[in-house]
Each structure stands twice: as C-alpha cells, then as structure tokens.
Amino acid sequence: MVIPMGSLTGMTAKVTLSFTDETIEEARRFAKREGLSLSAWMDQAAREKALREVFTAHAAAVSRAGLDLESAALADAREVGMVDDLLFRGRPRAAQG
C-alpha cells in the first residue's frame, strides 16, 4: 500500500476545531498548493508556530542576559576572513587544492 505525502501517517489525535470561513479557505488553498492534506498542513502550521514561539522566547532570554550574539557572529566572520587572507593570500578557498 502506498501512502501519499501529506496523509495522516503518524498523526495520533483527532480533535474538533473551529475556524472562520476565510481561515479555512486559505488553509485549504495552501495545503493544496503544497500537496498536503488539510490535516497535514494544519499540523505543520501549528508545529511551525510552536517553534517560532520557542525561538522567540530564546532570543528574548539571550537579549535579557545581555548577550550580543550577532556581534559575536560578525566578529567570527571577520576572523575567518583574516585567516583566509593570510592562508590563501586573497585566492578563493576552492582554488586551493
């Protein structure tokens, strides 16, 4: 038996939800466009929303802790560039053999 992508495989809970007509119409359109069942698309959308909430909370905690990860990442990138310049004398890494 072949189960198409976007089926209910792996889903374990059946719940009743209510949506506005506009929301469900858009969800159906997006699900169809992505080749998913409405249930699979809603599952994916809910999971993505939950992950965004977790990442947003993490970013807020990092910010409250006074960590500046963006500046640290930019500094790391500058260091990599300086090392590349020293090692490869301005030639791209791919040209090294």
Protein backbone atom coordinates (compact mmCIF):
# COMPACT_ATOMS: atom_id res chain seq x y z
CA MET A 1 0.00 0.00 0.00
CA VAL A 2 1.39 3.42 -0.98
CA ILE A 3 0.52 6.30 1.31
CA PRO A 4 0.82 9.68 -0.42
CA MET A 5 2.77 12.56 1.14
CA GLY A 6 0.55 14.74 3.24
CA SER A 7 -1.53 11.86 4.58
CA LEU A 8 -2.45 11.28 8.20
CA THR A 9 0.53 8.99 8.79
CA GLY A 10 1.92 9.50 12.26
CA MET A 11 -0.98 11.59 13.50
CA THR A 12 -2.41 10.24 16.72
CA ALA A 13 -5.05 12.69 17.96
CA LYS A 14 -8.32 13.60 16.34
CA VAL A 15 -9.76 16.92 17.55
CA THR A 16 -12.58 19.19 16.55
CA LEU A 17 -11.55 22.77 15.80
CA SER A 18 -13.48 25.79 14.59
CA PHE A 19 -12.12 28.32 12.10
CA THR A 20 -13.51 31.31 10.27
CA ASP A 21 -14.59 30.61 6.71
CA GLU A 22 -11.74 32.81 5.46
CA THR A 23 -9.10 30.97 7.51
CA ILE A 24 -10.19 27.50 6.45
CA GLU A 25 -10.46 28.59 2.80
CA GLU A 26 -6.88 29.93 2.87
CA ALA A 27 -5.62 26.84 4.69
CA ARG A 28 -7.19 24.56 2.08
CA ARG A 29 -5.63 26.62 -0.71
CA PHE A 30 -2.16 26.47 0.87
CA ALA A 31 -2.48 22.75 1.63
CA LYS A 32 -3.45 22.02 -1.98
CA ARG A 33 -0.58 24.16 -3.31
CA GLU A 34 1.89 22.20 -1.14
CA GLY A 35 0.37 18.83 -2.00
CA LEU A 36 -0.72 18.16 1.58
CA SER A 37 -3.97 17.14 3.15
CA LEU A 38 -5.65 19.88 5.15
CA SER A 39 -4.88 17.96 8.36
CA ALA A 40 -1.19 17.57 7.48
CA TRP A 41 -0.91 21.24 6.53
CA MET A 42 -2.60 22.37 9.77
CA ASP A 43 -0.30 20.06 11.77
CA GLN A 44 2.73 21.57 10.04
CA ALA A 45 1.46 25.14 10.54
CA ALA A 46 0.84 24.52 14.26
CA ARG A 47 4.28 22.95 14.69
CA GLU A 48 5.97 25.88 12.91
CA LYS A 49 4.08 28.36 15.10
CA ALA A 50 5.16 26.49 18.25
CA LEU A 51 8.80 26.53 17.11
CA ARG A 52 8.62 30.27 16.36
CA GLU A 53 7.33 30.82 19.91
CA VAL A 54 10.22 28.78 21.37
CA PHE A 55 12.83 30.60 19.28
CA THR A 56 11.32 33.99 20.10
CA ALA A 57 11.40 33.18 23.82
CA HIS A 58 15.01 32.02 23.49
CA ALA A 59 16.02 35.21 21.67
CA ALA A 60 14.35 37.29 24.39
CA ALA A 61 16.22 35.36 27.10
CA VAL A 62 19.53 35.87 25.29
CA SER A 63 18.76 39.56 24.97
CA ARG A 64 17.83 39.86 28.66
CA ALA A 65 21.10 38.13 29.55
CA GLY A 66 22.91 40.89 27.71
CA LEU A 67 24.47 38.60 25.13
CA ASP A 68 25.13 40.09 21.72
CA LEU A 69 25.28 37.02 19.51
CA GLU A 70 25.02 39.00 16.28
CA SER A 71 28.16 40.99 17.07
CA ALA A 72 29.96 37.80 18.09
CA ALA A 73 28.97 36.12 14.81
CA LEU A 74 30.14 39.14 12.78
CA ALA A 75 33.45 39.16 14.67
CA ASP A 76 33.86 35.44 13.93
CA ALA A 77 33.20 36.08 10.24
CA ARG A 78 35.84 38.86 10.22
CA GLU A 79 38.36 36.48 11.84
CA VAL A 80 37.65 33.79 9.24
CA GLY A 81 38.21 36.38 6.53
CA MET A 82 41.54 37.47 8.04
CA VAL A 83 42.72 33.86 8.34
CA ASP A 84 41.66 33.17 4.75
CA ASP A 85 43.57 36.23 3.58
CA LEU A 86 46.69 35.06 5.40
CA LEU A 87 46.45 31.44 4.31
CA PHE A 88 45.19 31.86 0.78
CA ARG A 89 46.51 35.35 0.01
CA GLY A 90 43.18 36.53 -1.35
CA ARG A 91 42.59 33.48 -3.59
CA PRO A 92 39.27 31.71 -3.10
CA ARG A 93 39.39 28.56 -0.97
CA ALA A 94 38.05 26.45 -3.84
CA ALA A 95 41.16 27.33 -5.86
CA GLN A 96 43.29 25.63 -3.22
CA GLY A 97 43.97 22.15 -3.99
